Amino acid sequence: MINIPLMIAPLIVFNLFAFGFLGEPFGDPWLLPVFTVTMVSEARWTLTVGDILIVGALVLLFIEILKATRTGAGSILDHMLSTLVFIAFLVEFLLVGEAANSVFFILMIIALIDVVAGYSVTIRSARRDFSVGPGGDL
């Protein structure tokens, strides 16, 4: 269960909203305002559903990067599954009309960063764990 890539959650949530599984979609669901705040400068800041999904994906990315510091056979499976999730994002972005928007594109880039950072952190951690002996230097 721990090897399931968390970036699959934003993919599932996006598809639930985009294809109307949570009710009939009207217009672009990612532009729906959640709330608006008038700032001290008199400017109005509006948080949208798409913004919340992106922020949630960034939190999950942070957790995924922490998971990448683990070493072992499970981390290899986690990286492979994260790569498959990124490929699913990419294929859906290229082939599905509902995914051709900036929210999905940003989610896809977050999934790409998850893959690249996961491999990079694991390789870096593995190099630190590897020792040659006294005076040996890689």
Foldseek 3Di string as FASTA:
>chain_A
DVLAQPLVVLVVVLCCQLVQVVHDDDDQQQAAFPDWDQDPVRDIDTDGNLNVSLVVLVVSLVVLLVVLLDDDPSLVSSLVNLVVSLVVLVCCCVPPPSCVDDSSVSSSVSSVCSNVSSVVNNVVNVVVVDDDDPPDDD
